[in-house]
Amino acid sequence: MRINIVYAARDPNRAGALLEAVARSGFTLTTAQRGKEVMGLLGQRSCDVLIVAAQLADDEGLTLVKSLRSRGPTRQLPIIALLESDQGGSASPIAGFGTAAGQIRRDHAPAPSAPAPSPAGKVSLRLAFFQAGADECLMLNQDIAESVARIKAVLRRTMTNPAEEVIKTGPVELNLTSYTLHVNGKEVPLTSKELDLLYVLLSSPNRVLSRPYLIERVWGYNYFGSPRTVDVHVRRLREKLGKAASLIHTIPCVGYKLIPPGTAMSR
């Protein structure tokens, strides 16, 4: 199954090096600057892992994590916080987070080399994300390879045995667990990009999808090639689908639209 990672931050470019490494590791990557965009992606079931920064364009990352953990459908969503720097193990103190840190400091005196404890009732931003429900917390200044390894570790812990999921439209059946395609019961071999493209089309029936949107969803935000790449892959996909290719409609000057059998064509 293709893993869709969403990175939410006010300025996604600050994590450019890490995002490129994540994309090279075989994940589908989408960026969002607002919490509302994240909610929209979750509604489309196009987010398997959320990486969130401390600040979004419309809210704080911590607030978004709390909100997601309070909702039934997203309580199990793997969430990774990505903060600016380690700052020696502590970030800016956050008030209003209940913690046992004060009790720990009273019971165990800090070592002489330890930093001065923060005021009682306040915790570091890193700890606040963990308390809000984040599965991991990364720093922008840490080793890129280690960060990617930690992301993969979160996936192993949270997605070890995913339930089999299938999208079926007419004769087309895409198994998202094995990432295989069957048309009229016969397996049809596709490349990874063709499978990703078909997945995006199948998961958004009766919706016009522009070429730039398909580029971002399938090739990633950092792809700088021609939008005509989409046309080439759609053509190859249609050739392999046979008669089922009639489900994919071209919308002139815009992009493509998948129309399930028995649905009237509308624009």
C-alpha atoms as a PDB file:
ATOM      1  CA  MET A   1       0.000   0.000   0.000  1.00  0.00           C
ATOM      2  CA  ARG A   2       1.302   3.434  -0.912  1.00  0.00           C
ATOM      3  CA  ILE A   3       1.811   5.567   2.202  1.00  0.00           C
ATOM      4  CA  ASN A   4       0.572   9.162   1.962  1.00  0.00           C
ATOM      5  CA  ILE A   5       2.449  11.563   4.225  1.00  0.00           C
ATOM      6  CA  VAL A   6       1.139  15.079   4.823  1.00  0.00           C
ATOM      7  CA  TYR A   7       3.452  17.783   6.150  1.00  0.00           C
ATOM      8  CA  ALA A   8       1.600  20.722   7.701  1.00  0.00           C
ATOM      9  CA  ALA A   9       3.530  23.928   8.391  1.00  0.00           C
ATOM     10  CA  ARG A  10       3.253  27.661   7.904  1.00  0.00           C
ATOM     11  CA  ASP A  11       6.460  27.536   5.854  1.00  0.00           C
ATOM     12  CA  PRO A  12       6.992  24.009   4.424  1.00  0.00           C
ATOM     13  CA  ASN A  13      10.198  25.096   2.667  1.00  0.00           C
ATOM     14  CA  ARG A  14      12.057  25.205   5.989  1.00  0.00           C
ATOM     15  CA  ALA A  15      11.939  21.394   6.019  1.00  0.00           C
ATOM     16  CA  GLY A  16      12.845  21.062   2.336  1.00  0.00           C
ATOM     17  CA  ALA A  17      15.827  18.744   2.857  1.00  0.00           C
ATOM     18  CA  LEU A  18      13.865  16.331   5.034  1.00  0.00           C
ATOM     19  CA  LEU A  19      10.854  16.365   2.712  1.00  0.00           C
ATOM     20  CA  GLU A  20      13.053  15.519  -0.270  1.00  0.00           C
ATOM     21  CA  ALA A  21      14.547  12.598   1.666  1.00  0.00           C
ATOM     22  CA  VAL A  22      11.067  11.377   2.599  1.00  0.00           C
ATOM     23  CA  ALA A  23       9.942  11.544  -1.048  1.00  0.00           C
ATOM     24  CA  ARG A  24      13.054   9.635  -2.165  1.00  0.00           C
ATOM     25  CA  SER A  25      12.167   6.912   0.341  1.00  0.00           C
ATOM     26  CA  GLY A  26       9.095   6.016  -1.699  1.00  0.00           C
ATOM     27  CA  PHE A  27       6.367   7.872   0.169  1.00  0.00           C
ATOM     28  CA  THR A  28       3.726  10.063  -1.460  1.00  0.00           C
ATOM     29  CA  LEU A  29       4.167  13.535   0.036  1.00  0.00           C
ATOM     30  CA  THR A  30       1.692  16.411   0.229  1.00  0.00           C
ATOM     31  CA  THR A  31       2.207  19.746   1.975  1.00  0.00           C
ATOM     32  CA  ALA A  32      -0.413  21.877   3.683  1.00  0.00           C
ATOM     33  CA  GLN A  33      -0.111  25.253   5.361  1.00  0.00           C
ATOM     34  CA  ARG A  34      -3.436  25.344   7.192  1.00  0.00           C
ATOM     35  CA  GLY A  35      -5.235  23.047   9.573  1.00  0.00           C
ATOM     36  CA  LYS A  36      -8.308  23.247   7.339  1.00  0.00           C
ATOM     37  CA  GLU A  37      -6.294  21.775   4.466  1.00  0.00           C
ATOM     38  CA  VAL A  38      -5.252  18.868   6.693  1.00  0.00           C
ATOM     39  CA  MET A  39      -8.872  18.204   7.618  1.00  0.00           C
ATOM     40  CA  GLY A  40      -9.796  18.197   3.935  1.00  0.00           C
ATOM     41  CA  LEU A  41      -7.078  15.664   3.122  1.00  0.00           C
ATOM     42  CA  LEU A  42      -8.214  13.468   5.988  1.00  0.00           C
ATOM     43  CA  GLY A  43     -11.767  13.635   4.642  1.00  0.00           C
ATOM     44  CA  GLN A  44     -10.464  12.358   1.298  1.00  0.00           C
ATOM     45  CA  ARG A  45      -8.594   9.547   3.072  1.00  0.00           C
ATOM     46  CA  SER A  46      -5.373  10.812   1.538  1.00  0.00           C
ATOM     47  CA  CYS A  47      -3.345  11.100   4.744  1.00  0.00           C
ATOM     48  CA  ASP A  48      -1.777   8.045   6.393  1.00  0.00           C
ATOM     49  CA  VAL A  49       0.832   9.919   8.434  1.00  0.00           C
ATOM     50  CA  LEU A  50       0.784  13.549   9.552  1.00  0.00           C
ATOM     51  CA  ILE A  51       3.990  15.487  10.195  1.00  0.00           C
ATOM     52  CA  VAL A  52       3.139  18.798  11.829  1.00  0.00           C
ATOM     53  CA  ALA A  53       5.218  21.868  12.662  1.00  0.00           C
ATOM     54  CA  ALA A  54       4.768  24.093  15.687  1.00  0.00           C
ATOM     55  CA  GLN A  55       3.083  26.822  13.632  1.00  0.00           C
ATOM     56  CA  LEU A  56       0.529  26.611  10.827  1.00  0.00           C
ATOM     57  CA  ALA A  57      -0.786  29.504   8.783  1.00  0.00           C
ATOM     58  CA  ASP A  58      -4.124  29.476  10.609  1.00  0.00           C
ATOM     59  CA  ASP A  59      -3.386  27.817  13.954  1.00  0.00           C
ATOM     60  CA  GLU A  60      -0.782  26.186  16.171  1.00  0.00           C
ATOM     61  CA  GLY A  61       0.347  22.662  15.421  1.00  0.00           C
ATOM     62  CA  LEU A  62      -0.274  21.665  19.024  1.00  0.00           C
ATOM     63  CA  THR A  63      -3.914  22.727  18.746  1.00  0.00           C
ATOM     64  CA  LEU A  64      -4.327  20.645  15.599  1.00  0.00           C
ATOM     65  CA  VAL A  65      -2.887  17.550  17.292  1.00  0.00           C
ATOM     66  CA  LYS A  66      -5.245  17.963  20.264  1.00  0.00           C
ATOM     67  CA  SER A  67      -8.204  18.331  17.909  1.00  0.00           C
ATOM     68  CA  LEU A  68      -7.286  15.227  15.907  1.00  0.00           C
ATOM     69  CA  ARG A  69      -6.812  13.138  19.032  1.00  0.00           C
ATOM     70  CA  SER A  70     -10.257  14.170  20.289  1.00  0.00           C
ATOM     71  CA  ARG A  71     -12.013  12.875  17.143  1.00  0.00           C
ATOM     72  CA  GLY A  72     -12.932   9.226  16.716  1.00  0.00           C
ATOM     73  CA  PRO A  73     -11.710   8.702  13.125  1.00  0.00           C
ATOM     74  CA  THR A  74      -8.312  10.323  13.725  1.00  0.00           C
ATOM     75  CA  ARG A  75      -7.451   9.054  17.186  1.00  0.00           C
ATOM     76  CA  GLN A  76      -5.214   6.365  15.689  1.00  0.00           C
ATOM     77  CA  LEU A  77      -3.659   8.557  12.971  1.00  0.00           C
ATOM     78  CA  PRO A  78       0.152   8.445  13.242  1.00  0.00           C
ATOM     79  CA  ILE A  79       1.325  11.980  14.087  1.00  0.00           C
ATOM     80  CA  ILE A  80       4.918  13.232  14.136  1.00  0.00           C
ATOM     81  CA  ALA A  81       5.868  16.688  15.393  1.00  0.00           C
ATOM     82  CA  LEU A  82       8.709  18.500  13.592  1.00  0.00           C
ATOM     83  CA  LEU A  83      10.157  21.322  15.675  1.00  0.00           C
ATOM     84  CA  GLU A  84      12.759  23.967  14.942  1.00  0.00           C
ATOM     85  CA  SER A  85      15.620  22.798  17.175  1.00  0.00           C
ATOM     86  CA  ASP A  86      16.419  20.652  20.172  1.00  0.00           C
ATOM     87  CA  GLN A  87      17.818  23.554  22.222  1.00  0.00           C
ATOM     88  CA  GLY A  88      19.598  21.169  24.553  1.00  0.00           C
ATOM     89  CA  GLY A  89      16.538  19.006  25.097  1.00  0.00           C
ATOM     90  CA  SER A  90      14.029  21.698  25.981  1.00  0.00           C
ATOM     91  CA  ALA A  91      12.029  24.147  23.941  1.00  0.00           C
ATOM     92  CA  SER A  92      10.034  27.176  24.967  1.00  0.00           C
ATOM     93  CA  PRO A  93       7.962  26.489  28.082  1.00  0.00           C
ATOM     94  CA  ILE A  94       4.254  25.925  27.505  1.00  0.00           C
ATOM     95  CA  ALA A  95       1.877  26.903  30.263  1.00  0.00           C
ATOM     96  CA  GLY A  96      -1.373  25.130  31.029  1.00  0.00           C
ATOM     97  CA  PHE A  97      -0.161  21.567  30.462  1.00  0.00           C
ATOM     98  CA  GLY A  98      -0.612  19.365  33.498  1.00  0.00           C
ATOM     99  CA  THR A  99       2.572  17.403  34.162  1.00  0.00           C
ATOM    100  CA  ALA A 100       4.280  15.416  36.808  1.00  0.00           C
ATOM    101  CA  ALA A 101       7.560  17.154  36.022  1.00  0.00           C
ATOM    102  CA  GLY A 102       7.330  19.307  39.125  1.00  0.00           C
ATOM    103  CA  GLN A 103       6.904  16.239  41.318  1.00  0.00           C
ATOM    104  CA  ILE A 104       9.814  14.515  39.596  1.00  0.00           C
ATOM    105  CA  ARG A 105      12.056  17.495  40.272  1.00  0.00           C
ATOM    106  CA  ARG A 106      11.080  17.507  43.930  1.00  0.00           C
ATOM    107  CA  ASP A 107      11.759  13.772  44.334  1.00  0.00           C
ATOM    108  CA  HIS A 108      14.958  13.631  42.252  1.00  0.00           C
ATOM    109  CA  ALA A 109      17.362  16.531  42.350  1.00  0.00           C
ATOM    110  CA  PRO A 110      18.862  17.321  38.934  1.00  0.00           C
ATOM    111  CA  ALA A 111      22.472  16.526  38.199  1.00  0.00           C
ATOM    112  CA  PRO A 112      24.850  19.476  38.517  1.00  0.00           C
ATOM    113  CA  SER A 113      25.237  19.707  34.728  1.00  0.00           C
ATOM    114  CA  ALA A 114      21.486  19.649  34.048  1.00  0.00           C
ATOM    115  CA  PRO A 115      19.803  22.893  32.883  1.00  0.00           C
ATOM    116  CA  ALA A 116      17.780  24.852  35.360  1.00  0.00           C
ATOM    117  CA  PRO A 117      14.240  23.442  35.635  1.00  0.00           C
ATOM    118  CA  SER A 118      11.442  25.412  34.024  1.00  0.00           C
ATOM    119  CA  PRO A 119       8.789  26.990  36.244  1.00  0.00           C
ATOM    120  CA  ALA A 120       6.288  24.594  37.800  1.00  0.00           C
ATOM    121  CA  GLY A 121       3.254  23.943  35.613  1.00  0.00           C
ATOM    122  CA  LYS A 122       5.162  24.559  32.370  1.00  0.00           C
ATOM    123  CA  VAL A 123       6.579  21.982  29.980  1.00  0.00           C
ATOM    124  CA  SER A 124       8.730  22.092  26.853  1.00  0.00           C
ATOM    125  CA  LEU A 125       7.063  22.263  23.458  1.00  0.00           C
ATOM    126  CA  ARG A 126       8.482  18.824  22.663  1.00  0.00           C
ATOM    127  CA  LEU A 127       6.890  17.305  25.758  1.00  0.00           C
ATOM    128  CA  ALA A 128       3.644  19.181  25.106  1.00  0.00           C
ATOM    129  CA  PHE A 129       3.333  17.501  21.697  1.00  0.00           C
ATOM    130  CA  PHE A 130       3.905  14.092  23.248  1.00  0.00           C
ATOM    131  CA  GLN A 131       1.288  14.814  25.912  1.00  0.00           C
ATOM    132  CA  ALA A 132      -1.160  15.926  23.217  1.00  0.00           C
ATOM    133  CA  GLY A 133      -0.782  12.551  21.498  1.00  0.00           C
ATOM    134  CA  ALA A 134       2.126  12.796  19.028  1.00  0.00           C
ATOM    135  CA  ASP A 135       3.805   9.455  18.310  1.00  0.00           C
ATOM    136  CA  GLU A 136       7.228  10.982  17.661  1.00  0.00           C
ATOM    137  CA  CYS A 137       8.977  14.330  17.817  1.00  0.00           C
ATOM    138  CA  LEU A 138      11.743  15.289  15.375  1.00  0.00           C
ATOM    139  CA  MET A 139      14.005  18.324  15.166  1.00  0.00           C
ATOM    140  CA  LEU A 140      14.957  20.199  11.987  1.00  0.00           C
ATOM    141  CA  ASN A 141      18.596  20.283  13.046  1.00  0.00           C
ATOM    142  CA  GLN A 142      18.973  16.546  13.557  1.00  0.00           C
ATOM    143  CA  ASP A 143      20.430  14.089  11.066  1.00  0.00           C
ATOM    144  CA  ILE A 144      18.200  13.632   7.990  1.00  0.00           C
ATOM    145  CA  ALA A 145      18.820   9.881   7.756  1.00  0.00           C
ATOM    146  CA  GLU A 146      17.920   9.459  11.419  1.00  0.00           C
ATOM    147  CA  SER A 147      14.714  11.462  10.948  1.00  0.00           C
ATOM    148  CA  VAL A 148      13.635   9.278   8.015  1.00  0.00           C
ATOM    149  CA  ALA A 149      14.450   6.161  10.053  1.00  0.00           C
ATOM    150  CA  ARG A 150      12.318   7.447  12.931  1.00  0.00           C
ATOM    151  CA  ILE A 151       9.414   8.113  10.547  1.00  0.00           C
ATOM    152  CA  LYS A 152       9.675   4.538   9.271  1.00  0.00           C
ATOM    153  CA  ALA A 153       9.802   3.283  12.859  1.00  0.00           C
ATOM    154  CA  VAL A 154       6.532   5.065  13.612  1.00  0.00           C
ATOM    155  CA  LEU A 155       4.991   3.367  10.575  1.00  0.00           C
ATOM    156  CA  ARG A 156       6.157  -0.047  11.765  1.00  0.00           C
ATOM    157  CA  ARG A 157       4.641   0.552  15.180  1.00  0.00           C
ATOM    158  CA  THR A 158       1.306   1.929  14.006  1.00  0.00           C
ATOM    159  CA  MET A 159       0.664   0.163  10.696  1.00  0.00           C
ATOM    160  CA  THR A 160       1.996  -3.361  11.218  1.00  0.00           C
ATOM    161  CA  ASN A 161      -1.161  -5.187  10.143  1.00  0.00           C
ATOM    162  CA  PRO A 162      -3.399  -2.842   8.147  1.00  0.00           C
ATOM    163  CA  ALA A 163      -6.841  -4.136   7.323  1.00  0.00           C
ATOM    164  CA  GLU A 164      -7.270  -5.031   3.677  1.00  0.00           C
ATOM    165  CA  GLU A 165      -8.815  -2.135   1.809  1.00  0.00           C
ATOM    166  CA  VAL A 166     -10.235  -2.284  -1.694  1.00  0.00           C
ATOM    167  CA  ILE A 167     -11.626   0.439  -3.966  1.00  0.00           C
ATOM    168  CA  LYS A 168     -14.020  -1.021  -6.527  1.00  0.00           C
ATOM    169  CA  THR A 169     -15.631   0.893  -9.372  1.00  0.00           C
ATOM    170  CA  GLY A 170     -17.388  -1.140 -12.041  1.00  0.00           C
ATOM    171  CA  PRO A 171     -14.954  -3.785 -13.328  1.00  0.00           C
ATOM    172  CA  VAL A 172     -11.961  -2.022 -11.749  1.00  0.00           C
ATOM    173  CA  GLU A 173     -10.772  -3.264  -8.356  1.00  0.00           C
ATOM    174  CA  LEU A 174      -7.731  -1.674  -6.707  1.00  0.00           C
ATOM    175  CA  ASN A 175      -6.428  -3.457  -3.613  1.00  0.00           C
ATOM    176  CA  LEU A 176      -4.751  -0.827  -1.422  1.00  0.00           C
ATOM    177  CA  THR A 177      -3.153  -3.419   0.861  1.00  0.00           C
ATOM    178  CA  SER A 178      -1.265  -5.336  -1.834  1.00  0.00           C
ATOM    179  CA  TYR A 179      -1.412  -2.358  -4.226  1.00  0.00           C
ATOM    180  CA  THR A 180      -2.562  -4.505  -7.119  1.00  0.00           C
ATOM    181  CA  LEU A 181      -5.161  -3.918  -9.826  1.00  0.00           C
ATOM    182  CA  HIS A 182      -7.751  -6.352 -11.165  1.00  0.00           C
ATOM    183  CA  VAL A 183     -10.037  -5.597 -14.113  1.00  0.00           C
ATOM    184  CA  ASN A 184     -12.918  -8.047 -14.576  1.00  0.00           C
ATOM    185  CA  GLY A 185     -11.137 -10.360 -12.138  1.00  0.00           C
ATOM    186  CA  LYS A 186      -7.854 -10.405 -14.096  1.00  0.00           C
ATOM    187  CA  GLU A 187      -4.723  -8.855 -12.607  1.00  0.00           C
ATOM    188  CA  VAL A 188      -3.323  -5.968 -14.657  1.00  0.00           C
ATOM    189  CA  PRO A 189       0.318  -4.983 -14.030  1.00  0.00           C
ATOM    190  CA  LEU A 190       0.884  -1.260 -13.555  1.00  0.00           C
ATOM    191  CA  THR A 191       3.882   0.874 -12.659  1.00  0.00           C
ATOM    192  CA  SER A 192       3.932   2.554  -9.248  1.00  0.00           C
ATOM    193  CA  LYS A 193       3.027   5.949 -10.747  1.00  0.00           C
ATOM    194  CA  GLU A 194       0.166   4.438 -12.757  1.00  0.00           C
ATOM    195  CA  LEU A 195      -1.152   2.804  -9.595  1.00  0.00           C
ATOM    196  CA  ASP A 196      -0.868   6.088  -7.691  1.00  0.00           C
ATOM    197  CA  LEU A 197      -2.657   7.951 -10.477  1.00  0.00           C
ATOM    198  CA  LEU A 198      -5.458   5.393 -10.614  1.00  0.00           C
ATOM    199  CA  TYR A 199      -5.813   5.534  -6.831  1.00  0.00           C
ATOM    200  CA  VAL A 200      -6.261   9.323  -6.894  1.00  0.00           C
ATOM    201  CA  LEU A 201      -8.864   9.065  -9.676  1.00  0.00           C
ATOM    202  CA  LEU A 202     -10.787   6.225  -7.996  1.00  0.00           C
ATOM    203  CA  SER A 203     -10.812   7.966  -4.613  1.00  0.00           C
ATOM    204  CA  SER A 204     -12.325  11.131  -6.126  1.00  0.00           C
ATOM    205  CA  PRO A 205     -15.160   9.928  -8.394  1.00  0.00           C
ATOM    206  CA  ASN A 206     -17.198  12.534 -10.297  1.00  0.00           C
ATOM    207  CA  ARG A 207     -14.670  15.208  -9.426  1.00  0.00           C
ATOM    208  CA  VAL A 208     -12.654  17.153 -11.987  1.00  0.00           C
ATOM    209  CA  LEU A 209      -8.961  16.817 -11.095  1.00  0.00           C
ATOM    210  CA  SER A 210      -6.629  19.363 -12.646  1.00  0.00           C
ATOM    211  CA  ARG A 211      -3.200  18.428 -13.954  1.00  0.00           C
ATOM    212  CA  PRO A 212      -1.382  20.478 -11.243  1.00  0.00           C
ATOM    213  CA  TYR A 213      -3.449  18.704  -8.553  1.00  0.00           C
ATOM    214  CA  LEU A 214      -2.592  15.285  -9.988  1.00  0.00           C
ATOM    215  CA  ILE A 215       1.078  16.267 -10.236  1.00  0.00           C
ATOM    216  CA  GLU A 216       1.174  17.174  -6.544  1.00  0.00           C
ATOM    217  CA  ARG A 217      -0.708  14.066  -5.422  1.00  0.00           C
ATOM    218  CA  VAL A 218       1.220  11.562  -7.539  1.00  0.00           C
ATOM    219  CA  TRP A 219       4.671  13.086  -8.107  1.00  0.00           C
ATOM    220  CA  GLY A 220       4.943  15.311  -5.040  1.00  0.00           C
ATOM    221  CA  TYR A 221       5.183  19.021  -4.353  1.00  0.00           C
ATOM    222  CA  ASN A 222       8.842  19.230  -5.476  1.00  0.00           C
ATOM    223  CA  TYR A 223       8.253  17.903  -9.006  1.00  0.00           C
ATOM    224  CA  PHE A 224       9.240  20.480 -11.616  1.00  0.00           C
ATOM    225  CA  GLY A 225       8.569  18.561 -14.825  1.00  0.00           C
ATOM    226  CA  SER A 226       5.906  19.219 -17.430  1.00  0.00           C
ATOM    227  CA  PRO A 227       2.202  18.813 -16.514  1.00  0.00           C
ATOM    228  CA  ARG A 228       1.975  16.814 -19.757  1.00  0.00           C
ATOM    229  CA  THR A 229       3.536  13.973 -17.781  1.00  0.00           C
ATOM    230  CA  VAL A 230       0.009  13.392 -16.489  1.00  0.00           C
ATOM    231  CA  ASP A 231      -1.310  12.998 -20.041  1.00  0.00           C
ATOM    232  CA  VAL A 232       1.361  10.428 -20.863  1.00  0.00           C
ATOM    233  CA  HIS A 233       0.556   8.343 -17.787  1.00  0.00           C
ATOM    234  CA  VAL A 234      -3.208   8.593 -18.363  1.00  0.00           C
ATOM    235  CA  ARG A 235      -2.712   7.363 -21.919  1.00  0.00           C
ATOM    236  CA  ARG A 236      -0.689   4.372 -20.733  1.00  0.00           C
ATOM    237  CA  LEU A 237      -3.208   3.686 -17.985  1.00  0.00           C
ATOM    238  CA  ARG A 238      -6.082   3.706 -20.468  1.00  0.00           C
ATOM    239  CA  GLU A 239      -4.219   1.263 -22.717  1.00  0.00           C
ATOM    240  CA  LYS A 240      -3.850  -1.189 -19.842  1.00  0.00           C
ATOM    241  CA  LEU A 241      -7.439  -0.804 -18.576  1.00  0.00           C
ATOM    242  CA  GLY A 242      -8.925  -1.877 -21.900  1.00  0.00           C
ATOM    243  CA  LYS A 243     -12.672  -1.241 -22.069  1.00  0.00           C
ATOM    244  CA  ALA A 244     -12.617   0.058 -18.489  1.00  0.00           C
ATOM    245  CA  ALA A 245     -10.648   3.050 -19.805  1.00  0.00           C
ATOM    246  CA  SER A 246     -14.013   4.628 -20.669  1.00  0.00           C
ATOM    247  CA  LEU A 247     -14.372   5.451 -16.960  1.00  0.00           C
ATOM    248  CA  ILE A 248     -11.661   8.112 -17.255  1.00  0.00           C
ATOM    249  CA  HIS A 249     -12.897  11.224 -19.047  1.00  0.00           C
ATOM    250  CA  THR A 250     -10.748  14.067 -20.339  1.00  0.00           C
ATOM    251  CA  ILE A 251     -11.861  17.557 -19.336  1.00  0.00           C
ATOM    252  CA  PRO A 252     -10.397  19.881 -22.007  1.00  0.00           C
ATOM    253  CA  CYS A 253      -7.932  22.502 -20.757  1.00  0.00           C
ATOM    254  CA  VAL A 254      -8.332  21.270 -17.160  1.00  0.00           C
ATOM    255  CA  GLY A 255      -7.552  17.621 -16.452  1.00  0.00           C
ATOM    256  CA  TYR A 256      -9.433  14.390 -15.891  1.00  0.00           C
ATOM    257  CA  LYS A 257     -12.520  13.013 -14.225  1.00  0.00           C
ATOM    258  CA  LEU A 258     -13.428   9.430 -13.293  1.00  0.00           C
ATOM    259  CA  ILE A 259     -17.107   8.672 -13.764  1.00  0.00           C
ATOM    260  CA  PRO A 260     -18.426   5.398 -12.288  1.00  0.00           C
ATOM    261  CA  PRO A 261     -20.706   3.232 -14.462  1.00  0.00           C
ATOM    262  CA  GLY A 262     -24.305   4.430 -14.565  1.00  0.00           C
ATOM    263  CA  THR A 263     -23.405   8.015 -13.666  1.00  0.00           C
ATOM    264  CA  ALA A 264     -24.377  10.777 -16.075  1.00  0.00           C
ATOM    265  CA  MET A 265     -21.573  12.957 -17.393  1.00  0.00           C
ATOM    266  CA  SER A 266     -21.681  16.485 -15.974  1.00  0.00           C
ATOM    267  CA  ARG A 267     -19.183  19.314 -15.638  1.00  0.00           C
END
